[in-house]
PDB file of N, CA and C in Angstrom:
ATOM      1  N   MET A   1      36.444  44.315 -57.695  1.00  0.00           N
ATOM      2  CA  MET A   1      35.935  44.477 -56.353  1.00  0.00           C
ATOM      3  C   MET A   1      35.435  45.900 -56.160  1.00  0.00           C
ATOM      4  N   ARG A   2      34.432  46.046 -55.291  1.00  0.00           N
ATOM      5  CA  ARG A   2      33.929  47.369 -54.974  1.00  0.00           C
ATOM      6  C   ARG A   2      33.883  47.553 -53.467  1.00  0.00           C
ATOM      7  N   LYS A   3      33.766  48.783 -53.044  1.00  0.00           N
ATOM      8  CA  LYS A   3      33.676  49.040 -51.614  1.00  0.00           C
ATOM      9  C   LYS A   3      32.298  48.656 -51.100  1.00  0.00           C
ATOM     10  N   ASN A   4      32.264  48.066 -49.933  1.00  0.00           N
ATOM     11  CA  ASN A   4      31.020  47.722 -49.272  1.00  0.00           C
ATOM     12  C   ASN A   4      30.366  49.010 -48.778  1.00  0.00           C
ATOM     13  N   ALA A   5      29.037  49.100 -48.863  1.00  0.00           N
ATOM     14  CA  ALA A   5      28.323  50.303 -48.428  1.00  0.00           C
ATOM     15  C   ALA A   5      28.510  50.575 -46.941  1.00  0.00           C
ATOM     16  N   ARG A   6      28.821  49.567 -46.156  1.00  0.00           N
ATOM     17  CA  ARG A   6      28.989  49.748 -44.722  1.00  0.00           C
ATOM     18  C   ARG A   6      30.370  50.247 -44.337  1.00  0.00           C
ATOM     19  N   GLY A   7      31.303  50.213 -45.223  1.00  0.00           N
ATOM     20  CA  GLY A   7      32.633  50.668 -44.871  1.00  0.00           C
ATOM     21  C   GLY A   7      33.649  50.293 -45.917  1.00  0.00           C
ATOM     22  N   PRO A   8      34.933  50.406 -45.599  1.00  0.00           N
ATOM     23  CA  PRO A   8      35.991  50.211 -46.581  1.00  0.00           C
ATOM     24  C   PRO A   8      36.288  48.753 -46.923  1.00  0.00           C
ATOM     25  N   ARG A   9      35.627  47.807 -46.268  1.00  0.00           N
ATOM     26  CA  ARG A   9      35.889  46.398 -46.545  1.00  0.00           C
ATOM     27  C   ARG A   9      35.619  46.083 -48.014  1.00  0.00           C
ATOM     28  N   GLN A  10      36.475  45.340 -48.648  1.00  0.00           N
ATOM     29  CA  GLN A  10      36.315  45.002 -50.054  1.00  0.00           C
ATOM     30  C   GLN A  10      35.383  43.795 -50.210  1.00  0.00           C
ATOM     31  N   VAL A  11      34.548  43.828 -51.236  1.00  0.00           N
ATOM     32  CA  VAL A  11      33.605  42.755 -51.525  1.00  0.00           C
ATOM     33  C   VAL A  11      33.998  42.127 -52.853  1.00  0.00           C
ATOM     34  N   ALA A  12      34.184  40.818 -52.864  1.00  0.00           N
ATOM     35  CA  ALA A  12      34.557  40.114 -54.090  1.00  0.00           C
ATOM     36  C   ALA A  12      33.388  40.133 -55.070  1.00  0.00           C
ATOM     37  N   ALA A  13      33.680  40.031 -56.365  1.00  0.00           N
ATOM     38  CA  ALA A  13      32.643  40.059 -57.396  1.00  0.00           C
ATOM     39  C   ALA A  13      31.632  38.943 -57.187  1.00  0.00           C
ATOM     40  N   GLY A  14      32.063  37.755 -56.798  1.00  0.00           N
ATOM     41  CA  GLY A  14      31.141  36.638 -56.551  1.00  0.00           C
ATOM     42  C   GLY A  14      30.205  36.925 -55.401  1.00  0.00           C
ATOM     43  N   ALA A  15      30.716  37.549 -54.365  1.00  0.00           N
ATOM     44  CA  ALA A  15      29.890  37.902 -53.213  1.00  0.00           C
ATOM     45  C   ALA A  15      28.858  38.951 -53.606  1.00  0.00           C
ATOM     46  N   GLU A  16      29.230  39.870 -54.481  1.00  0.00           N
ATOM     47  CA  GLU A  16      28.296  40.889 -54.941  1.00  0.00           C
ATOM     48  C   GLU A  16      27.159  40.256 -55.729  1.00  0.00           C
ATOM     49  N   ALA A  17      27.456  39.261 -56.567  1.00  0.00           N
ATOM     50  CA  ALA A  17      26.431  38.570 -57.339  1.00  0.00           C
ATOM     51  C   ALA A  17      25.483  37.810 -56.416  1.00  0.00           C
ATOM     52  N   ARG A  18      26.026  37.167 -55.373  1.00  0.00           N
ATOM     53  CA  ARG A  18      25.180  36.444 -54.423  1.00  0.00           C
ATOM     54  C   ARG A  18      24.260  37.392 -53.664  1.00  0.00           C
ATOM     55  N   ALA A  19      24.722  38.598 -53.387  1.00  0.00           N
ATOM     56  CA  ALA A  19      23.937  39.557 -52.618  1.00  0.00           C
ATOM     57  C   ALA A  19      22.619  39.892 -53.309  1.00  0.00           C
ATOM     58  N   VAL A  20      22.577  39.826 -54.625  1.00  0.00           N
ATOM     59  CA  VAL A  20      21.350  40.100 -55.359  1.00  0.00           C
ATOM     60  C   VAL A  20      20.330  38.986 -55.118  1.00  0.00           C
ATOM     61  N   ASN A  21      20.766  37.754 -54.961  1.00  0.00           N
ATOM     62  CA  ASN A  21      19.879  36.609 -54.823  1.00  0.00           C
ATOM     63  C   ASN A  21      19.607  36.197 -53.387  1.00  0.00           C
ATOM     64  N   GLU A  22      20.275  36.790 -52.438  1.00  0.00           N
ATOM     65  CA  GLU A  22      20.114  36.369 -51.052  1.00  0.00           C
ATOM     66  C   GLU A  22      20.126  37.579 -50.131  1.00  0.00           C
ATOM     67  N   ARG A  23      19.212  37.587 -49.201  1.00  0.00           N
ATOM     68  CA  ARG A  23      19.159  38.631 -48.174  1.00  0.00           C
ATOM     69  C   ARG A  23      19.083  37.942 -46.822  1.00  0.00           C
ATOM     70  N   ARG A  24      19.635  38.571 -45.818  1.00  0.00           N
ATOM     71  CA  ARG A  24      19.516  38.071 -44.453  1.00  0.00           C
ATOM     72  C   ARG A  24      18.779  39.115 -43.646  1.00  0.00           C
ATOM     73  N   VAL A  25      17.720  38.685 -42.987  1.00  0.00           N
ATOM     74  CA  VAL A  25      16.920  39.598 -42.174  1.00  0.00           C
ATOM     75  C   VAL A  25      16.761  38.991 -40.786  1.00  0.00           C
ATOM     76  N   THR A  26      16.304  39.796 -39.855  1.00  0.00           N
ATOM     77  CA  THR A  26      16.109  39.339 -38.485  1.00  0.00           C
ATOM     78  C   THR A  26      14.626  39.149 -38.221  1.00  0.00           C
ATOM     79  N   VAL A  27      14.282  38.056 -37.582  1.00  0.00           N
ATOM     80  CA  VAL A  27      12.906  37.834 -37.159  1.00  0.00           C
ATOM     81  C   VAL A  27      12.704  38.631 -35.876  1.00  0.00           C
ATOM     82  N   SER A  28      11.786  39.576 -35.935  1.00  0.00           N
ATOM     83  CA  SER A  28      11.484  40.424 -34.783  1.00  0.00           C
ATOM     84  C   SER A  28      10.196  39.928 -34.136  1.00  0.00           C
ATOM     85  N   SER A  29       9.727  40.673 -33.159  1.00  0.00           N
ATOM     86  CA  SER A  29       8.441  40.326 -32.558  1.00  0.00           C
ATOM     87  C   SER A  29       7.474  41.475 -32.752  1.00  0.00           C
ATOM     88  N   LEU A  30       6.212  41.127 -32.823  1.00  0.00           N
ATOM     89  CA  LEU A  30       5.142  42.103 -32.961  1.00  0.00           C
ATOM     90  C   LEU A  30       4.178  41.856 -31.811  1.00  0.00           C
ATOM     91  N   GLN A  31       3.810  42.892 -31.115  1.00  0.00           N
ATOM     92  CA  GLN A  31       2.889  42.771 -29.989  1.00  0.00           C
ATOM     93  C   GLN A  31       1.458  42.942 -30.486  1.00  0.00           C
ATOM     94  N   LEU A  32       0.634  41.905 -30.327  1.00  0.00           N
ATOM     95  CA  LEU A  32      -0.770  41.991 -30.707  1.00  0.00           C
ATOM     96  C   LEU A  32      -1.525  42.829 -29.678  1.00  0.00           C
ATOM     97  N   PRO A  33      -2.453  43.653 -30.125  1.00  0.00           N
ATOM     98  CA  PRO A  33      -3.149  44.543 -29.202  1.00  0.00           C
ATOM     99  C   PRO A  33      -4.247  43.869 -28.378  1.00  0.00           C
ATOM    100  N   ASN A  34      -4.564  42.616 -28.650  1.00  0.00           N
ATOM    101  CA  ASN A  34      -5.659  41.935 -27.966  1.00  0.00           C
ATOM    102  C   ASN A  34      -5.347  41.765 -26.476  1.00  0.00           C
ATOM    103  N   VAL A  35      -6.043  42.494 -25.639  1.00  0.00           N
ATOM    104  CA  VAL A  35      -5.787  42.425 -24.198  1.00  0.00           C
ATOM    105  C   VAL A  35      -6.385  41.183 -23.562  1.00  0.00           C
ATOM    106  N   ASN A  36      -7.181  40.418 -24.311  1.00  0.00           N
ATOM    107  CA  ASN A  36      -7.777  39.188 -23.773  1.00  0.00           C
ATOM    108  C   ASN A  36      -6.808  38.016 -23.813  1.00  0.00           C
ATOM    109  N   LEU A  37      -5.647  38.206 -24.418  1.00  0.00           N
ATOM    110  CA  LEU A  37      -4.640  37.154 -24.479  1.00  0.00           C
ATOM    111  C   LEU A  37      -3.631  37.342 -23.357  1.00  0.00           C
ATOM    112  N   PRO A  38      -3.085  36.246 -22.825  1.00  0.00           N
ATOM    113  CA  PRO A  38      -1.992  36.387 -21.861  1.00  0.00           C
ATOM    114  C   PRO A  38      -0.795  37.061 -22.532  1.00  0.00           C
ATOM    115  N   ALA A  39       0.007  37.743 -21.764  1.00  0.00           N
ATOM    116  CA  ALA A  39       1.148  38.495 -22.302  1.00  0.00           C
ATOM    117  C   ALA A  39       2.061  37.636 -23.165  1.00  0.00           C
ATOM    118  N   ASP A  40       2.312  36.369 -22.784  1.00  0.00           N
ATOM    119  CA  ASP A  40       3.229  35.523 -23.549  1.00  0.00           C
ATOM    120  C   ASP A  40       2.644  35.107 -24.901  1.00  0.00           C
ATOM    121  N   LEU A  41       1.347  35.255 -25.113  1.00  0.00           N
ATOM    122  CA  LEU A  41       0.731  34.914 -26.396  1.00  0.00           C
ATOM    123  C   LEU A  41       0.525  36.136 -27.295  1.00  0.00           C
ATOM    124  N   ARG A  42       0.746  37.325 -26.770  1.00  0.00           N
ATOM    125  CA  ARG A  42       0.565  38.545 -27.561  1.00  0.00           C
ATOM    126  C   ARG A  42       1.760  38.838 -28.454  1.00  0.00           C
ATOM    127  N   SER A  43       2.895  38.247 -28.178  1.00  0.00           N
ATOM    128  CA  SER A  43       4.095  38.467 -28.976  1.00  0.00           C
ATOM    129  C   SER A  43       4.185  37.389 -30.055  1.00  0.00           C
ATOM    130  N   VAL A  44       4.232  37.818 -31.323  1.00  0.00           N
ATOM    131  CA  VAL A  44       4.303  36.871 -32.442  1.00  0.00           C
ATOM    132  C   VAL A  44       5.510  37.201 -33.317  1.00  0.00           C
ATOM    133  N   PRO A  45       6.077  36.197 -34.026  1.00  0.00           N
ATOM    134  CA  PRO A  45       7.203  36.458 -34.929  1.00  0.00           C
ATOM    135  C   PRO A  45       6.782  37.395 -36.064  1.00  0.00           C
ATOM    136  N   PHE A  46       7.726  38.223 -36.508  1.00  0.00           N
ATOM    137  CA  PHE A  46       7.447  39.241 -37.509  1.00  0.00           C
ATOM    138  C   PHE A  46       8.667  39.384 -38.411  1.00  0.00           C
ATOM    139  N   VAL A  47       8.461  39.304 -39.730  1.00  0.00           N
ATOM    140  CA  VAL A  47       9.548  39.486 -40.703  1.00  0.00           C
ATOM    141  C   VAL A  47       9.162  40.635 -41.622  1.00  0.00           C
ATOM    142  N   ARG A  48      10.068  41.593 -41.776  1.00  0.00           N
ATOM    143  CA  ARG A  48       9.806  42.752 -42.633  1.00  0.00           C
ATOM    144  C   ARG A  48      10.836  42.780 -43.754  1.00  0.00           C
ATOM    145  N   LEU A  49      10.341  42.922 -44.977  1.00  0.00           N
ATOM    146  CA  LEU A  49      11.212  43.057 -46.145  1.00  0.00           C
ATOM    147  C   LEU A  49      10.962  44.421 -46.764  1.00  0.00           C
ATOM    148  N   THR A  50      12.012  45.184 -46.976  1.00  0.00           N
ATOM    149  CA  THR A  50      11.886  46.491 -47.611  1.00  0.00           C
ATOM    150  C   THR A  50      13.036  46.714 -48.577  1.00  0.00           C
ATOM    151  N   GLY A  51      12.827  47.561 -49.547  1.00  0.00           N
ATOM    152  CA  GLY A  51      13.909  47.932 -50.450  1.00  0.00           C
ATOM    153  C   GLY A  51      13.490  47.914 -51.901  1.00  0.00           C
ATOM    154  N   ARG A  52      14.189  48.708 -52.697  1.00  0.00           N
ATOM    155  CA  ARG A  52      13.934  48.769 -54.141  1.00  0.00           C
ATOM    156  C   ARG A  52      14.194  47.434 -54.823  1.00  0.00           C
ATOM    157  N   TRP A  53      15.023  46.596 -54.215  1.00  0.00           N
ATOM    158  CA  TRP A  53      15.324  45.293 -54.804  1.00  0.00           C
ATOM    159  C   TRP A  53      14.056  44.458 -54.959  1.00  0.00           C
ATOM    160  N   LEU A  54      13.037  44.676 -54.117  1.00  0.00           N
ATOM    161  CA  LEU A  54      11.776  43.941 -54.241  1.00  0.00           C
ATOM    162  C   LEU A  54      11.101  44.270 -55.572  1.00  0.00           C
ATOM    163  N   GLU A  55      11.118  45.556 -55.964  1.00  0.00           N
ATOM    164  CA  GLU A  55      10.543  45.949 -57.256  1.00  0.00           C
ATOM    165  C   GLU A  55      11.282  45.278 -58.402  1.00  0.00           C
ATOM    166  N   SER A  56      12.584  45.180 -58.280  1.00  0.00           N
ATOM    167  CA  SER A  56      13.378  44.623 -59.374  1.00  0.00           C
ATOM    168  C   SER A  56      13.110  43.139 -59.602  1.00  0.00           C
ATOM    169  N   VAL A  57      12.485  42.471 -58.635  1.00  0.00           N
ATOM    170  CA  VAL A  57      12.166  41.047 -58.808  1.00  0.00           C
ATOM    171  C   VAL A  57      10.660  40.808 -58.880  1.00  0.00           C
ATOM    172  N   GLY A  58       9.888  41.888 -59.134  1.00  0.00           N
ATOM    173  CA  GLY A  58       8.475  41.719 -59.431  1.00  0.00           C
ATOM    174  C   GLY A  58       7.488  42.041 -58.331  1.00  0.00           C
ATOM    175  N   PHE A  59       7.952  42.487 -57.173  1.00  0.00           N
ATOM    176  CA  PHE A  59       7.047  42.836 -56.079  1.00  0.00           C
ATOM    177  C   PHE A  59       6.763  44.330 -56.151  1.00  0.00           C
ATOM    178  N   THR A  60       5.524  44.688 -56.531  1.00  0.00           N
ATOM    179  CA  THR A  60       5.172  46.085 -56.690  1.00  0.00           C
ATOM    180  C   THR A  60       4.348  46.571 -55.496  1.00  0.00           C
ATOM    181  N   ILE A  61       4.373  47.863 -55.265  1.00  0.00           N
ATOM    182  CA  ILE A  61       3.589  48.444 -54.178  1.00  0.00           C
ATOM    183  C   ILE A  61       2.112  48.190 -54.464  1.00  0.00           C
ATOM    184  N   GLY A  62       1.411  47.626 -53.511  1.00  0.00           N
ATOM    185  CA  GLY A  62      -0.007  47.314 -53.669  1.00  0.00           C
ATOM    186  C   GLY A  62      -0.266  45.968 -54.325  1.00  0.00           C
ATOM    187  N   GLY A  63       0.790  45.312 -54.803  1.00  0.00           N
ATOM    188  CA  GLY A  63       0.625  44.019 -55.454  1.00  0.00           C
ATOM    189  C   GLY A  63       0.322  42.911 -54.456  1.00  0.00           C
ATOM    190  N   LYS A  64      -0.290  41.850 -54.943  1.00  0.00           N
ATOM    191  CA  LYS A  64      -0.599  40.690 -54.116  1.00  0.00           C
ATOM    192  C   LYS A  64       0.568  39.708 -54.160  1.00  0.00           C
ATOM    193  N   VAL A  65       0.731  38.955 -53.073  1.00  0.00           N
ATOM    194  CA  VAL A  65       1.839  38.013 -52.942  1.00  0.00           C
ATOM    195  C   VAL A  65       1.308  36.674 -52.453  1.00  0.00           C
ATOM    196  N   ARG A  66       1.744  35.603 -53.074  1.00  0.00           N
ATOM    197  CA  ARG A  66       1.426  34.259 -52.585  1.00  0.00           C
ATOM    198  C   ARG A  66       2.548  33.843 -51.645  1.00  0.00           C
ATOM    199  N   VAL A  67       2.178  33.349 -50.460  1.00  0.00           N
ATOM    200  CA  VAL A  67       3.153  32.842 -49.496  1.00  0.00           C
ATOM    201  C   VAL A  67       2.920  31.349 -49.371  1.00  0.00           C
ATOM    202  N   ARG A  68       3.945  30.575 -49.686  1.00  0.00           N
ATOM    203  CA  ARG A  68       3.855  29.116 -49.614  1.00  0.00           C
ATOM    204  C   ARG A  68       4.892  28.624 -48.615  1.00  0.00           C
ATOM    205  N   VAL A  69       4.491  27.662 -47.793  1.00  0.00           N
ATOM    206  CA  VAL A  69       5.407  27.071 -46.815  1.00  0.00           C
ATOM    207  C   VAL A  69       5.887  25.739 -47.362  1.00  0.00           C
ATOM    208  N   GLU A  70       7.203  25.593 -47.452  1.00  0.00           N
ATOM    209  CA  GLU A  70       7.823  24.337 -47.904  1.00  0.00           C
ATOM    210  C   GLU A  70       8.805  23.906 -46.827  1.00  0.00           C
ATOM    211  N   GLY A  71       8.341  23.063 -45.924  1.00  0.00           N
ATOM    212  CA  GLY A  71       9.190  22.648 -44.812  1.00  0.00           C
ATOM    213  C   GLY A  71       9.501  23.847 -43.939  1.00  0.00           C
ATOM    214  N   ARG A  72      10.778  24.169 -43.787  1.00  0.00           N
ATOM    215  CA  ARG A  72      11.196  25.336 -42.989  1.00  0.00           C
ATOM    216  C   ARG A  72      11.499  26.546 -43.880  1.00  0.00           C
ATOM    217  N   ARG A  73      10.907  26.576 -45.043  1.00  0.00           N
ATOM    218  CA  ARG A  73      11.184  27.637 -46.014  1.00  0.00           C
ATOM    219  C   ARG A  73       9.884  28.348 -46.405  1.00  0.00           C
ATOM    220  N   LEU A  74       9.937  29.674 -46.502  1.00  0.00           N
ATOM    221  CA  LEU A  74       8.822  30.454 -47.032  1.00  0.00           C
ATOM    222  C   LEU A  74       9.169  30.840 -48.459  1.00  0.00           C
ATOM    223  N   VAL A  75       8.236  30.622 -49.368  1.00  0.00           N
ATOM    224  CA  VAL A  75       8.434  31.005 -50.763  1.00  0.00           C
ATOM    225  C   VAL A  75       7.425  32.104 -51.074  1.00  0.00           C
ATOM    226  N   LEU A  76       7.916  33.282 -51.400  1.00  0.00           N
ATOM    227  CA  LEU A  76       7.070  34.429 -51.729  1.00  0.00           C
ATOM    228  C   LEU A  76       7.064  34.610 -53.238  1.00  0.00           C
ATOM    229  N   THR A  77       5.869  34.670 -53.822  1.00  0.00           N
ATOM    230  CA  THR A  77       5.742  34.815 -55.266  1.00  0.00           C
ATOM    231  C   THR A  77       4.799  35.968 -55.573  1.00  0.00           C
ATOM    232  N   PRO A  78       5.259  36.958 -56.358  1.00  0.00           N
ATOM    233  CA  PRO A  78       4.336  38.037 -56.724  1.00  0.00           C
ATOM    234  C   PRO A  78       3.272  37.494 -57.674  1.00  0.00           C
ATOM    235  N   LEU A  79       2.024  37.896 -57.455  1.00  0.00           N
ATOM    236  CA  LEU A  79       0.936  37.458 -58.326  1.00  0.00           C
ATOM    237  C   LEU A  79       0.733  38.479 -59.431  1.00  0.00           C
ATOM    238  N   VAL A  80       0.543  37.988 -60.662  1.00  0.00           N
ATOM    239  CA  VAL A  80       0.261  38.877 -61.779  1.00  0.00           C
ATOM    240  C   VAL A  80      -1.239  39.091 -61.836  1.00  0.00           C
ATOM    241  N   ALA A  81      -1.706  40.043 -62.644  1.00  0.00           N
ATOM    242  CA  ALA A  81      -3.117  40.407 -62.680  1.00  0.00           C
ATOM    243  C   ALA A  81      -4.037  39.210 -62.869  1.00  0.00           C
ATOM    244  N   SER A  82      -3.683  38.269 -63.724  1.00  0.00           N
ATOM    245  CA  SER A  82      -4.554  37.117 -63.978  1.00  0.00           C
ATOM    246  C   SER A  82      -4.632  36.189 -62.762  1.00  0.00           C
ATOM    247  N   GLU A  83      -3.652  36.284 -61.865  1.00  0.00           N
ATOM    248  CA  GLU A  83      -3.664  35.465 -60.649  1.00  0.00           C
ATOM    249  C   GLU A  83      -4.187  36.256 -59.461  1.00  0.00           C
ATOM    250  N   GLY A  84      -4.721  37.440 -59.704  1.00  0.00           N
ATOM    251  CA  GLY A  84      -5.088  38.356 -58.642  1.00  0.00           C
ATOM    252  C   GLY A  84      -6.304  37.975 -57.827  1.00  0.00           C
ATOM    253  N   ALA A  85      -6.824  36.769 -58.022  1.00  0.00           N
ATOM    254  CA  ALA A  85      -7.961  36.327 -57.212  1.00  0.00           C
ATOM    255  C   ALA A  85      -7.550  36.311 -55.743  1.00  0.00           C
ATOM    256  N   PRO A  86      -8.518  36.409 -54.843  1.00  0.00           N
ATOM    257  CA  PRO A  86      -8.166  36.414 -53.415  1.00  0.00           C
ATOM    258  C   PRO A  86      -7.268  35.239 -53.031  1.00  0.00           C
ATOM    259  N   CYS A  87      -6.228  35.516 -52.271  1.00  0.00           N
ATOM    260  CA  CYS A  87      -5.290  34.491 -51.848  1.00  0.00           C
ATOM    261  C   CYS A  87      -5.853  33.722 -50.661  1.00  0.00           C
ATOM    262  N   ARG A  88      -5.554  32.465 -50.586  1.00  0.00           N
ATOM    263  CA  ARG A  88      -5.946  31.642 -49.438  1.00  0.00           C
ATOM    264  C   ARG A  88      -4.759  30.934 -48.886  1.00  0.00           C
TER     265      ARG A  88
END
């Protein structure tokens, strides 16, 4: 077991392994600048992912990403140079 970065709480080895494969983030809102929209339509859902862990799984700065929707799930896949054609 190791100490959790947030405090003295102990983290089991299994939980540490899961942490590499799973992240929990909060869906925030982003205000669109278009003043021609009503106020209730200017706010859209926004998800931000940051961290060195993205590099460790193939997401590089400036790299392209394919976003696929599977039901209620988003699947993000880093594109390699041969797949670097414009995404649709």
